[in-house]
Amino acid sequence: MTEEESIKINKFDSILKSARKLIGEEGFSNFTMDKLANNAGIAKGTVYLYFKNKNDVLENVLKSGFQNMFERMAHKVNNEKTPEEKIRTLIYENLLYINENKYFFKTVFLDEMNVVFLKKTSQESYNLRRKKYAEFISEIIKKGIDEGIFKNWLNPLKSGFYLISLIKTNAIYNFKTNAVEFDENLIKSEAIEIYNIFIDGVKN
């Protein structure tokens, strides 16, 4: 990588970080390119050197946010041995990441209709990310079925979407009740609760 390419990547990431912060504070609906430029401390024209428009910024913010979460979670999960341990770790790491980035995810989950339907491509990209996550979980479910741990009539992909929905619903409940200040013990407690609900439904 050349020095020029490195500078461009750093600037791109810096603008993206400012966008994520701004979205967390004001939501998608109130997000503008002017506000982003002011927040990042750069000229509006500079923003357009890296992003085509508002939708492009939002698309990249969502992509990077979920990609970072997925990569960290997958790394932890892949170090576990049994399907049950993988599911338990997946839930905990997901809740932990949401808590560490709570204002961003609060905006994403509570303002979801606005972001998903900003543009058809955004909706398609959003759905693809959810499907990728569900497919990752489905491989764990398949392993559990093959080992006789999980019920053999389960639809692994559908089960993956069910677990995603459980985690998301838990986060939305906390956001709507303003329960956003969590310590590690409380996160562990919530992870155990979600794990027990899910595992009771899939385990033999």
N, C-alpha and C. Protein backbone atom coordinates (compact mmCIF):
# COMPACT_ATOMS: atom_id res chain seq x y z
N MET A 1 0.84 -1.20 0.00
CA MET A 1 0.00 0.00 0.00
C MET A 1 0.87 1.25 0.00
N THR A 2 0.57 2.19 -0.89
CA THR A 2 1.33 3.43 -0.95
C THR A 2 0.91 4.36 0.17
N GLU A 3 1.72 5.38 0.41
CA GLU A 3 1.40 6.36 1.45
C GLU A 3 0.11 7.09 1.12
N GLU A 4 -0.10 7.38 -0.17
CA GLU A 4 -1.31 8.07 -0.59
C GLU A 4 -2.56 7.21 -0.32
N GLU A 5 -2.45 5.93 -0.61
CA GLU A 5 -3.58 5.02 -0.36
C GLU A 5 -3.86 4.91 1.13
N SER A 6 -2.81 4.89 1.93
CA SER A 6 -2.96 4.82 3.38
C SER A 6 -3.66 6.06 3.93
N ILE A 7 -3.30 7.22 3.39
CA ILE A 7 -3.92 8.48 3.81
C ILE A 7 -5.41 8.48 3.46
N LYS A 8 -5.73 8.00 2.27
CA LYS A 8 -7.14 7.95 1.83
C LYS A 8 -7.96 7.03 2.73
N ILE A 9 -7.40 5.88 3.07
CA ILE A 9 -8.11 4.93 3.93
C ILE A 9 -8.33 5.53 5.32
N ASN A 10 -7.31 6.19 5.85
CA ASN A 10 -7.42 6.81 7.17
C ASN A 10 -8.47 7.92 7.17
N LYS A 11 -8.50 8.71 6.11
CA LYS A 11 -9.49 9.79 6.00
C LYS A 11 -10.89 9.22 5.88
N PHE A 12 -11.03 8.17 5.07
CA PHE A 12 -12.32 7.49 4.91
C PHE A 12 -12.82 6.98 6.26
N ASP A 13 -11.94 6.31 7.00
CA ASP A 13 -12.31 5.77 8.32
C ASP A 13 -12.65 6.88 9.31
N SER A 14 -11.91 7.99 9.22
CA SER A 14 -12.15 9.12 10.11
C SER A 14 -13.53 9.74 9.86
N ILE A 15 -13.89 9.91 8.60
CA ILE A 15 -15.21 10.45 8.25
C ILE A 15 -16.30 9.48 8.69
N LEU A 16 -16.05 8.20 8.49
CA LEU A 16 -17.02 7.18 8.87
C LEU A 16 -17.24 7.19 10.39
N LYS A 17 -16.17 7.37 11.14
CA LYS A 17 -16.27 7.44 12.60
C LYS A 17 -17.10 8.65 13.02
N SER A 18 -16.89 9.78 12.36
CA SER A 18 -17.67 10.98 12.66
C SER A 18 -19.14 10.77 12.31
N ALA A 19 -19.38 10.09 11.19
CA ALA A 19 -20.76 9.80 10.77
C ALA A 19 -21.45 8.90 11.78
N ARG A 20 -20.75 7.88 12.26
CA ARG A 20 -21.32 6.95 13.23
C ARG A 20 -21.68 7.69 14.52
N LYS A 21 -20.81 8.59 14.96
CA LYS A 21 -21.05 9.37 16.18
C LYS A 21 -22.26 10.29 15.98
N LEU A 22 -22.31 10.95 14.84
CA LEU A 22 -23.40 11.88 14.55
C LEU A 22 -24.73 11.15 14.47
N ILE A 23 -24.75 10.00 13.83
CA ILE A 23 -25.98 9.21 13.71
C ILE A 23 -26.44 8.75 15.09
N GLY A 24 -25.48 8.36 15.93
CA GLY A 24 -25.82 7.94 17.28
C GLY A 24 -26.43 9.06 18.10
N GLU A 25 -26.02 10.29 17.84
CA GLU A 25 -26.52 11.44 18.58
C GLU A 25 -27.84 11.97 18.04
N GLU A 26 -27.99 11.97 16.71
CA GLU A 26 -29.13 12.65 16.10
C GLU A 26 -30.06 11.74 15.30
N GLY A 27 -29.65 10.53 15.02
CA GLY A 27 -30.49 9.62 14.25
C GLY A 27 -30.27 9.77 12.76
N PHE A 28 -30.83 8.83 12.01
CA PHE A 28 -30.69 8.84 10.55
C PHE A 28 -31.48 9.97 9.92
N SER A 29 -32.67 10.22 10.47
CA SER A 29 -33.58 11.18 9.86
C SER A 29 -32.98 12.58 9.82
N ASN A 30 -32.22 12.94 10.85
CA ASN A 30 -31.66 14.29 10.95
C ASN A 30 -30.24 14.39 10.41
N PHE A 31 -29.74 13.31 9.88
CA PHE A 31 -28.37 13.29 9.37
C PHE A 31 -28.28 14.02 8.03
N THR A 32 -27.30 14.92 7.91
CA THR A 32 -27.06 15.63 6.64
C THR A 32 -25.56 15.66 6.36
N MET A 33 -25.22 15.89 5.11
CA MET A 33 -23.81 15.97 4.73
C MET A 33 -23.16 17.22 5.34
N ASP A 34 -23.93 18.28 5.48
CA ASP A 34 -23.40 19.51 6.10
C ASP A 34 -23.01 19.24 7.55
N LYS A 35 -23.90 18.56 8.28
CA LYS A 35 -23.60 18.24 9.68
C LYS A 35 -22.40 17.32 9.79
N LEU A 36 -22.29 16.39 8.86
CA LEU A 36 -21.15 15.47 8.87
C LEU A 36 -19.85 16.23 8.67
N ALA A 37 -19.83 17.14 7.71
CA ALA A 37 -18.62 17.92 7.44
C ALA A 37 -18.22 18.73 8.67
N ASN A 38 -19.20 19.37 9.32
CA ASN A 38 -18.92 20.16 10.52
C ASN A 38 -18.41 19.28 11.64
N ASN A 39 -19.03 18.12 11.81
CA ASN A 39 -18.64 17.20 12.88
C ASN A 39 -17.24 16.65 12.66
N ALA A 40 -16.90 16.41 11.39
CA ALA A 40 -15.58 15.86 11.05
C ALA A 40 -14.51 16.94 10.96
N GLY A 41 -14.94 18.20 10.95
CA GLY A 41 -13.99 19.31 10.86
C GLY A 41 -13.34 19.44 9.50
N ILE A 42 -14.12 19.12 8.45
CA ILE A 42 -13.59 19.21 7.08
C ILE A 42 -14.60 19.92 6.19
N ALA A 43 -14.16 20.28 4.99
CA ALA A 43 -15.06 20.94 4.04
C ALA A 43 -16.06 19.92 3.50
N LYS A 44 -17.25 20.40 3.17
CA LYS A 44 -18.29 19.52 2.64
C LYS A 44 -17.81 18.83 1.36
N GLY A 45 -17.05 19.56 0.56
CA GLY A 45 -16.54 18.99 -0.69
C GLY A 45 -15.63 17.81 -0.46
N THR A 46 -14.90 17.82 0.67
CA THR A 46 -14.02 16.71 0.99
C THR A 46 -14.82 15.44 1.26
N VAL A 47 -15.97 15.60 1.91
CA VAL A 47 -16.83 14.44 2.18
C VAL A 47 -17.22 13.77 0.87
N TYR A 48 -17.53 14.60 -0.14
CA TYR A 48 -17.97 14.06 -1.43
C TYR A 48 -16.84 13.41 -2.22
N LEU A 49 -15.60 13.61 -1.80
CA LEU A 49 -14.49 12.91 -2.43
C LEU A 49 -14.49 11.43 -2.04
N TYR A 50 -15.11 11.14 -0.91
CA TYR A 50 -15.11 9.77 -0.38
C TYR A 50 -16.47 9.09 -0.43
N PHE A 51 -17.53 9.89 -0.44
CA PHE A 51 -18.89 9.34 -0.46
C PHE A 51 -19.74 10.08 -1.48
N LYS A 52 -20.54 9.31 -2.23
CA LYS A 52 -21.34 9.90 -3.30
C LYS A 52 -22.46 10.78 -2.77
N ASN A 53 -23.09 10.34 -1.69
CA ASN A 53 -24.23 11.07 -1.14
C ASN A 53 -24.53 10.56 0.26
N LYS A 54 -25.62 11.06 0.84
CA LYS A 54 -26.02 10.67 2.19
C LYS A 54 -26.25 9.17 2.29
N ASN A 55 -26.93 8.61 1.30
CA ASN A 55 -27.21 7.17 1.33
C ASN A 55 -25.92 6.35 1.33
N ASP A 56 -24.94 6.82 0.59
CA ASP A 56 -23.66 6.11 0.52
C ASP A 56 -22.98 6.12 1.88
N VAL A 57 -23.06 7.25 2.58
CA VAL A 57 -22.49 7.33 3.93
C VAL A 57 -23.20 6.35 4.86
N LEU A 58 -24.53 6.40 4.85
CA LEU A 58 -25.31 5.53 5.74
C LEU A 58 -25.06 4.06 5.45
N GLU A 59 -24.96 3.75 4.17
CA GLU A 59 -24.69 2.36 3.77
C GLU A 59 -23.35 1.89 4.34
N ASN A 60 -22.33 2.74 4.25
CA ASN A 60 -21.01 2.37 4.75
C ASN A 60 -20.95 2.34 6.27
N VAL A 61 -21.70 3.21 6.92
CA VAL A 61 -21.76 3.20 8.38
C VAL A 61 -22.37 1.89 8.87
N LEU A 62 -23.47 1.50 8.25
CA LEU A 62 -24.12 0.24 8.62
C LEU A 62 -23.21 -0.95 8.33
N LYS A 63 -22.62 -0.93 7.14
CA LYS A 63 -21.76 -2.04 6.72
C LYS A 63 -20.59 -2.22 7.69
N SER A 64 -19.92 -1.13 8.02
CA SER A 64 -18.75 -1.23 8.90
C SER A 64 -19.15 -1.61 10.31
N GLY A 65 -20.28 -1.05 10.79
CA GLY A 65 -20.73 -1.36 12.14
C GLY A 65 -21.04 -2.83 12.33
N PHE A 66 -21.82 -3.39 11.40
CA PHE A 66 -22.19 -4.79 11.50
C PHE A 66 -21.02 -5.72 11.16
N GLN A 67 -20.16 -5.29 10.24
CA GLN A 67 -19.01 -6.12 9.88
C GLN A 67 -18.04 -6.25 11.05
N ASN A 68 -17.80 -5.14 11.74
CA ASN A 68 -16.92 -5.17 12.91
C ASN A 68 -17.48 -6.10 13.99
N MET A 69 -18.79 -6.00 14.21
CA MET A 69 -19.44 -6.84 15.20
C MET A 69 -19.33 -8.32 14.81
N PHE A 70 -19.61 -8.59 13.54
CA PHE A 70 -19.60 -9.98 13.08
C PHE A 70 -18.21 -10.60 13.17
N GLU A 71 -17.20 -9.85 12.76
CA GLU A 71 -15.83 -10.38 12.76
C GLU A 71 -15.36 -10.68 14.18
N ARG A 72 -15.65 -9.77 15.10
CA ARG A 72 -15.23 -9.99 16.49
C ARG A 72 -15.97 -11.18 17.10
N MET A 73 -17.28 -11.22 16.86
CA MET A 73 -18.10 -12.29 17.39
C MET A 73 -17.68 -13.64 16.81
N ALA A 74 -17.46 -13.69 15.49
CA ALA A 74 -17.09 -14.95 14.83
C ALA A 74 -15.76 -15.47 15.35
N HIS A 75 -14.82 -14.57 15.59
CA HIS A 75 -13.50 -14.97 16.11
C HIS A 75 -13.65 -15.66 17.47
N LYS A 76 -14.47 -15.08 18.33
CA LYS A 76 -14.69 -15.66 19.67
C LYS A 76 -15.43 -16.98 19.57
N VAL A 77 -16.47 -17.02 18.74
CA VAL A 77 -17.30 -18.22 18.61
C VAL A 77 -16.49 -19.38 18.06
N ASN A 78 -15.66 -19.12 17.07
CA ASN A 78 -14.88 -20.19 16.43
C ASN A 78 -13.85 -20.82 17.36
N ASN A 79 -13.55 -20.14 18.47
CA ASN A 79 -12.63 -20.71 19.45
C ASN A 79 -13.31 -21.69 20.39
N GLU A 80 -14.65 -21.69 20.38
CA GLU A 80 -15.40 -22.62 21.23
C GLU A 80 -15.53 -23.98 20.55
N LYS A 81 -15.76 -25.02 21.33
CA LYS A 81 -15.77 -26.37 20.78
C LYS A 81 -17.18 -26.92 20.52
N THR A 82 -18.07 -26.83 21.49
CA THR A 82 -19.39 -27.45 21.33
C THR A 82 -20.40 -26.45 20.77
N PRO A 83 -21.46 -26.94 20.12
CA PRO A 83 -22.51 -26.04 19.61
C PRO A 83 -23.12 -25.17 20.71
N GLU A 84 -23.31 -25.75 21.89
CA GLU A 84 -23.89 -24.97 22.99
C GLU A 84 -22.96 -23.84 23.43
N GLU A 85 -21.67 -24.13 23.52
CA GLU A 85 -20.70 -23.10 23.89
C GLU A 85 -20.65 -22.01 22.83
N LYS A 86 -20.74 -22.41 21.57
CA LYS A 86 -20.71 -21.44 20.48
C LYS A 86 -21.93 -20.50 20.55
N ILE A 87 -23.10 -21.07 20.80
CA ILE A 87 -24.32 -20.26 20.90
C ILE A 87 -24.23 -19.31 22.09
N ARG A 88 -23.76 -19.82 23.22
CA ARG A 88 -23.64 -19.01 24.44
C ARG A 88 -22.69 -17.83 24.21
N THR A 89 -21.55 -18.11 23.61
CA THR A 89 -20.56 -17.05 23.35
C THR A 89 -21.07 -16.06 22.32
N LEU A 90 -21.74 -16.55 21.30
CA LEU A 90 -22.30 -15.68 20.26
C LEU A 90 -23.26 -14.67 20.86
N ILE A 91 -24.14 -15.13 21.73
CA ILE A 91 -25.12 -14.23 22.36
C ILE A 91 -24.41 -13.20 23.23
N TYR A 92 -23.48 -13.66 24.06
CA TYR A 92 -22.78 -12.74 24.96
C TYR A 92 -21.99 -11.69 24.19
N GLU A 93 -21.22 -12.12 23.19
CA GLU A 93 -20.40 -11.18 22.42
C GLU A 93 -21.27 -10.18 21.66
N ASN A 94 -22.42 -10.64 21.19
CA ASN A 94 -23.34 -9.75 20.48
C ASN A 94 -23.88 -8.68 21.43
N LEU A 95 -24.33 -9.10 22.61
CA LEU A 95 -24.84 -8.15 23.60
C LEU A 95 -23.75 -7.18 24.05
N LEU A 96 -22.55 -7.70 24.22
CA LEU A 96 -21.43 -6.86 24.65
C LEU A 96 -21.12 -5.79 23.61
N TYR A 97 -21.09 -6.18 22.34
CA TYR A 97 -20.79 -5.22 21.27
C TYR A 97 -21.89 -4.17 21.16
N ILE A 98 -23.14 -4.60 21.29
CA ILE A 98 -24.26 -3.65 21.24
C ILE A 98 -24.14 -2.65 22.38
N ASN A 99 -23.77 -3.13 23.57
CA ASN A 99 -23.62 -2.23 24.71
C ASN A 99 -22.46 -1.25 24.52
N GLU A 100 -21.37 -1.74 23.95
CA GLU A 100 -20.21 -0.87 23.72
C GLU A 100 -20.51 0.21 22.68
N ASN A 101 -21.46 -0.07 21.80
CA ASN A 101 -21.84 0.87 20.74
C ASN A 101 -23.33 1.17 20.84
N LYS A 102 -23.81 1.38 22.08
CA LYS A 102 -25.24 1.43 22.34
C LYS A 102 -25.96 2.57 21.64
N TYR A 103 -25.33 3.72 21.52
CA TYR A 103 -26.04 4.84 20.90
C TYR A 103 -26.19 4.63 19.40
N PHE A 104 -25.20 4.00 18.80
CA PHE A 104 -25.31 3.67 17.37
C PHE A 104 -26.41 2.64 17.15
N PHE A 105 -26.40 1.57 17.94
CA PHE A 105 -27.40 0.51 17.75
C PHE A 105 -28.79 0.96 18.19
N LYS A 106 -28.85 1.84 19.16
CA LYS A 106 -30.16 2.38 19.55
C LYS A 106 -30.79 3.09 18.36
N THR A 107 -29.98 3.86 17.67
CA THR A 107 -30.48 4.56 16.49
C THR A 107 -30.84 3.58 15.38
N VAL A 108 -29.97 2.60 15.15
CA VAL A 108 -30.23 1.62 14.08
C VAL A 108 -31.52 0.86 14.33
N PHE A 109 -31.70 0.37 15.55
CA PHE A 109 -32.86 -0.47 15.85
C PHE A 109 -34.16 0.33 15.97
N LEU A 110 -34.09 1.51 16.57
CA LEU A 110 -35.31 2.28 16.78
C LEU A 110 -35.68 3.13 15.58
N ASP A 111 -34.71 3.41 14.72
CA ASP A 111 -34.97 4.22 13.52
C ASP A 111 -34.83 3.35 12.27
N GLU A 112 -35.04 2.05 12.45
CA GLU A 112 -34.75 1.07 11.40
C GLU A 112 -35.54 1.32 10.13
N MET A 113 -36.82 1.67 10.26
CA MET A 113 -37.65 1.84 9.07
C MET A 113 -37.08 2.94 8.17
N ASN A 114 -36.55 3.99 8.78
CA ASN A 114 -35.99 5.08 7.98
C ASN A 114 -34.73 4.66 7.24
N VAL A 115 -33.86 3.90 7.90
CA VAL A 115 -32.60 3.56 7.25
C VAL A 115 -32.78 2.46 6.21
N VAL A 116 -33.59 1.47 6.52
CA VAL A 116 -33.74 0.34 5.60
C VAL A 116 -34.38 0.76 4.29
N PHE A 117 -35.31 1.69 4.37
CA PHE A 117 -36.05 2.04 3.16
C PHE A 117 -35.60 3.37 2.54
N LEU A 118 -34.41 3.83 2.94
CA LEU A 118 -33.87 5.02 2.30
C LEU A 118 -33.68 4.77 0.81
N LYS A 119 -33.28 3.59 0.48
CA LYS A 119 -32.98 3.25 -0.90
C LYS A 119 -33.06 1.74 -1.05
N LYS A 120 -33.44 1.28 -2.20
CA LYS A 120 -33.58 -0.16 -2.42
C LYS A 120 -32.27 -0.89 -2.15
N THR A 121 -31.16 -0.30 -2.57
CA THR A 121 -29.87 -0.97 -2.36
C THR A 121 -29.55 -1.09 -0.87
N SER A 122 -29.97 -0.10 -0.08
CA SER A 122 -29.74 -0.16 1.36
C SER A 122 -30.52 -1.32 1.97
N GLN A 123 -31.75 -1.48 1.52
CA GLN A 123 -32.59 -2.56 2.01
C GLN A 123 -31.97 -3.91 1.65
N GLU A 124 -31.52 -4.04 0.40
CA GLU A 124 -30.92 -5.30 -0.05
C GLU A 124 -29.65 -5.60 0.74
N SER A 125 -28.84 -4.58 0.96
CA SER A 125 -27.59 -4.76 1.70
C SER A 125 -27.88 -5.15 3.15
N TYR A 126 -28.87 -4.51 3.74
CA TYR A 126 -29.27 -4.80 5.12
C TYR A 126 -29.72 -6.26 5.24
N ASN A 127 -30.54 -6.68 4.30
CA ASN A 127 -31.05 -8.06 4.32
C ASN A 127 -29.94 -9.08 4.11
N LEU A 128 -28.98 -8.75 3.25
CA LEU A 128 -27.85 -9.65 3.00
C LEU A 128 -27.00 -9.83 4.25
N ARG A 129 -26.81 -8.75 5.01
CA ARG A 129 -26.03 -8.83 6.25
C ARG A 129 -26.73 -9.72 7.27
N ARG A 130 -28.05 -9.54 7.39
CA ARG A 130 -28.82 -10.38 8.31
C ARG A 130 -28.74 -11.85 7.89
N LYS A 131 -28.83 -12.09 6.58
CA LYS A 131 -28.78 -13.47 6.08
C LYS A 131 -27.41 -14.09 6.34
N LYS A 132 -26.35 -13.31 6.15
CA LYS A 132 -25.00 -13.81 6.40
C LYS A 132 -24.86 -14.23 7.86
N TYR A 133 -25.39 -13.40 8.75
CA TYR A 133 -25.33 -13.69 10.18
C TYR A 133 -26.14 -14.95 10.50
N ALA A 134 -27.35 -15.03 9.93
CA ALA A 134 -28.21 -16.20 10.16
C ALA A 134 -27.56 -17.47 9.62
N GLU A 135 -26.88 -17.37 8.49
CA GLU A 135 -26.20 -18.54 7.91
C GLU A 135 -25.05 -19.00 8.81
N PHE A 136 -24.36 -18.05 9.42
CA PHE A 136 -23.29 -18.39 10.36
C PHE A 136 -23.86 -19.20 11.53
N ILE A 137 -24.99 -18.72 12.07
CA ILE A 137 -25.64 -19.43 13.18
C ILE A 137 -26.15 -20.79 12.72
N SER A 138 -26.66 -20.83 11.48
CA SER A 138 -27.24 -22.09 10.97
C SER A 138 -26.20 -23.21 10.92
N GLU A 139 -24.94 -22.85 10.67
CA GLU A 139 -23.88 -23.87 10.65
C GLU A 139 -23.67 -24.47 12.04
N ILE A 140 -23.84 -23.63 13.06
CA ILE A 140 -23.74 -24.13 14.44
C ILE A 140 -24.91 -25.07 14.73
N ILE A 141 -26.09 -24.67 14.28
CA ILE A 141 -27.28 -25.49 14.49
C ILE A 141 -27.13 -26.84 13.78
N LYS A 142 -26.62 -26.80 12.55
CA LYS A 142 -26.41 -28.04 11.79
C LYS A 142 -25.45 -28.98 12.52
N LYS A 143 -24.40 -28.40 13.07
CA LYS A 143 -23.42 -29.20 13.82
C LYS A 143 -24.10 -29.85 15.01
N GLY A 144 -24.95 -29.08 15.69
CA GLY A 144 -25.66 -29.60 16.85
C GLY A 144 -26.63 -30.71 16.48
N ILE A 145 -27.27 -30.57 15.32
CA ILE A 145 -28.18 -31.61 14.82
C ILE A 145 -27.39 -32.88 14.49
N ASP A 146 -26.28 -32.71 13.79
CA ASP A 146 -25.45 -33.86 13.39
C ASP A 146 -24.92 -34.63 14.61
N GLU A 147 -24.67 -33.89 15.69
CA GLU A 147 -24.13 -34.52 16.89
C GLU A 147 -25.23 -35.04 17.82
N GLY A 148 -26.49 -34.86 17.40
CA GLY A 148 -27.61 -35.34 18.20
C GLY A 148 -27.95 -34.47 19.40
N ILE A 149 -27.38 -33.25 19.43
CA ILE A 149 -27.63 -32.34 20.55
C ILE A 149 -28.92 -31.55 20.34
N PHE A 150 -29.14 -31.12 19.09
CA PHE A 150 -30.33 -30.34 18.76
C PHE A 150 -31.35 -31.20 18.02
N LYS A 151 -32.59 -30.79 18.07
CA LYS A 151 -33.69 -31.52 17.42
C LYS A 151 -33.42 -31.65 15.92
N ASN A 152 -33.67 -32.83 15.37
CA ASN A 152 -33.32 -33.07 13.97
C ASN A 152 -34.32 -32.50 12.98
N TRP A 153 -35.46 -32.00 13.47
CA TRP A 153 -36.46 -31.43 12.56
C TRP A 153 -36.31 -29.92 12.40
N LEU A 154 -35.33 -29.36 13.08
CA LEU A 154 -35.14 -27.90 13.02
C LEU A 154 -34.76 -27.44 11.62
N ASN A 155 -35.21 -26.25 11.27
CA ASN A 155 -34.73 -25.55 10.07
C ASN A 155 -33.57 -24.67 10.54
N PRO A 156 -32.32 -25.02 10.25
CA PRO A 156 -31.17 -24.29 10.79
C PRO A 156 -31.17 -22.80 10.45
N LEU A 157 -31.49 -22.46 9.20
CA LEU A 157 -31.47 -21.05 8.82
C LEU A 157 -32.55 -20.27 9.55
N LYS A 158 -33.74 -20.84 9.62
CA LYS A 158 -34.84 -20.17 10.33
C LYS A 158 -34.49 -20.01 11.81
N SER A 159 -33.85 -21.02 12.38
CA SER A 159 -33.42 -20.94 13.78
C SER A 159 -32.42 -19.81 13.97
N GLY A 160 -31.55 -19.60 12.96
CA GLY A 160 -30.60 -18.50 13.02
C GLY A 160 -31.29 -17.16 13.07
N PHE A 161 -32.31 -16.99 12.24
CA PHE A 161 -33.08 -15.74 12.25
C PHE A 161 -33.82 -15.56 13.57
N TYR A 162 -34.31 -16.67 14.14
CA TYR A 162 -34.99 -16.59 15.43
C TYR A 162 -34.05 -16.04 16.51
N LEU A 163 -32.82 -16.54 16.52
CA LEU A 163 -31.87 -16.10 17.54
C LEU A 163 -31.51 -14.63 17.34
N ILE A 164 -31.32 -14.22 16.10
CA ILE A 164 -31.04 -12.81 15.81
C ILE A 164 -32.17 -11.94 16.33
N SER A 165 -33.40 -12.38 16.11
CA SER A 165 -34.57 -11.61 16.55
C SER A 165 -34.65 -11.53 18.07
N LEU A 166 -34.28 -12.61 18.76
CA LEU A 166 -34.27 -12.59 20.22
C LEU A 166 -33.29 -11.55 20.75
N ILE A 167 -32.09 -11.55 20.19
CA ILE A 167 -31.06 -10.61 20.62
C ILE A 167 -31.48 -9.17 20.33
N LYS A 168 -32.02 -8.96 19.15
CA LYS A 168 -32.45 -7.62 18.74
C LYS A 168 -33.61 -7.14 19.59
N THR A 169 -34.59 -8.00 19.85
CA THR A 169 -35.74 -7.63 20.66
C THR A 169 -35.32 -7.27 22.08
N ASN A 170 -34.35 -8.00 22.61
CA ASN A 170 -33.82 -7.69 23.94
C ASN A 170 -33.22 -6.29 23.96
N ALA A 171 -32.44 -5.96 22.92
CA ALA A 171 -31.81 -4.64 22.84
C ALA A 171 -32.86 -3.54 22.71
N ILE A 172 -33.87 -3.76 21.87
CA ILE A 172 -34.92 -2.77 21.68
C ILE A 172 -35.67 -2.52 22.98
N TYR A 173 -35.97 -3.59 23.71
CA TYR A 173 -36.65 -3.44 25.00
C TYR A 173 -35.82 -2.57 25.94
N ASN A 174 -34.52 -2.83 26.01
CA ASN A 174 -33.66 -2.03 26.88
C ASN A 174 -33.60 -0.58 26.45
N PHE A 175 -33.53 -0.35 25.14
CA PHE A 175 -33.48 1.02 24.64
C PHE A 175 -34.78 1.76 24.93
N LYS A 176 -35.90 1.09 24.74
CA LYS A 176 -37.20 1.73 24.95
C LYS A 176 -37.49 2.00 26.42
N THR A 177 -36.89 1.21 27.31
CA THR A 177 -37.07 1.42 28.74
C THR A 177 -35.91 2.21 29.34
N ASN A 178 -35.06 2.74 28.44
CA ASN A 178 -33.90 3.55 28.84
C ASN A 178 -32.91 2.79 29.72
N ALA A 179 -32.92 1.47 29.62
CA ALA A 179 -31.98 0.66 30.39
C ALA A 179 -30.72 0.46 29.56
N VAL A 180 -29.96 1.54 29.39
CA VAL A 180 -28.80 1.48 28.50
C VAL A 180 -27.46 1.41 29.23
N GLU A 181 -27.48 1.55 30.56
CA GLU A 181 -26.23 1.48 31.32
C GLU A 181 -26.07 0.08 31.89
N PHE A 182 -25.23 -0.72 31.28
CA PHE A 182 -25.06 -2.11 31.67
C PHE A 182 -23.62 -2.37 32.08
N ASP A 183 -23.47 -3.13 33.18
CA ASP A 183 -22.13 -3.60 33.52
C ASP A 183 -21.99 -5.03 33.00
N GLU A 184 -20.80 -5.58 33.15
CA GLU A 184 -20.52 -6.90 32.57
C GLU A 184 -21.41 -7.98 33.17
N ASN A 185 -21.68 -7.89 34.48
CA ASN A 185 -22.51 -8.91 35.13
C ASN A 185 -23.93 -8.91 34.59
N LEU A 186 -24.46 -7.72 34.34
CA LEU A 186 -25.82 -7.62 33.81
C LEU A 186 -25.89 -8.15 32.38
N ILE A 187 -24.86 -7.86 31.60
CA ILE A 187 -24.80 -8.37 30.23
C ILE A 187 -24.74 -9.90 30.25
N LYS A 188 -23.94 -10.45 31.16
CA LYS A 188 -23.87 -11.91 31.28
C LYS A 188 -25.21 -12.50 31.67
N SER A 189 -25.91 -11.81 32.58
CA SER A 189 -27.23 -12.27 33.03
C SER A 189 -28.23 -12.29 31.87
N GLU A 190 -28.21 -11.24 31.07
CA GLU A 190 -29.12 -11.18 29.92
C GLU A 190 -28.75 -12.22 28.87
N ALA A 191 -27.46 -12.44 28.69
CA ALA A 191 -27.01 -13.45 27.73
C ALA A 191 -27.49 -14.84 28.15
N ILE A 192 -27.41 -15.12 29.44
CA ILE A 192 -27.87 -16.42 29.95
C ILE A 192 -29.38 -16.57 29.74
N GLU A 193 -30.12 -15.49 29.98
CA GLU A 193 -31.57 -15.54 29.80
C GLU A 193 -31.94 -15.85 28.35
N ILE A 194 -31.31 -15.15 27.41
CA ILE A 194 -31.58 -15.39 25.99
C ILE A 194 -31.14 -16.79 25.59
N TYR A 195 -29.98 -17.20 26.09
CA TYR A 195 -29.46 -18.54 25.79
C TYR A 195 -30.45 -19.61 26.24
N ASN A 196 -30.96 -19.48 27.46
CA ASN A 196 -31.88 -20.48 27.99
C ASN A 196 -33.18 -20.54 27.19
N ILE A 197 -33.69 -19.38 26.80
CA ILE A 197 -34.92 -19.34 26.00
C ILE A 197 -34.70 -20.06 24.67
N PHE A 198 -33.57 -19.75 24.02
CA PHE A 198 -33.29 -20.33 22.70
C PHE A 198 -32.96 -21.81 22.80
N ILE A 199 -32.09 -22.16 23.73
CA ILE A 199 -31.61 -23.54 23.81
C ILE A 199 -32.73 -24.49 24.22
N ASP A 200 -33.68 -24.00 25.03
CA ASP A 200 -34.82 -24.84 25.42
C ASP A 200 -35.66 -25.23 24.20
N GLY A 201 -35.63 -24.38 23.19
CA GLY A 201 -36.42 -24.66 22.00
C GLY A 201 -35.74 -25.56 20.99
N VAL A 202 -34.41 -25.60 21.03
CA VAL A 202 -33.69 -26.36 19.99
C VAL A 202 -33.05 -27.66 20.49
N LYS A 203 -32.86 -27.75 21.80
CA LYS A 203 -32.12 -28.90 22.32
C LYS A 203 -33.02 -30.12 22.51
N ASN A 204 -32.46 -31.28 22.26
CA ASN A 204 -33.17 -32.55 22.49
C ASN A 204 -33.40 -32.77 23.98
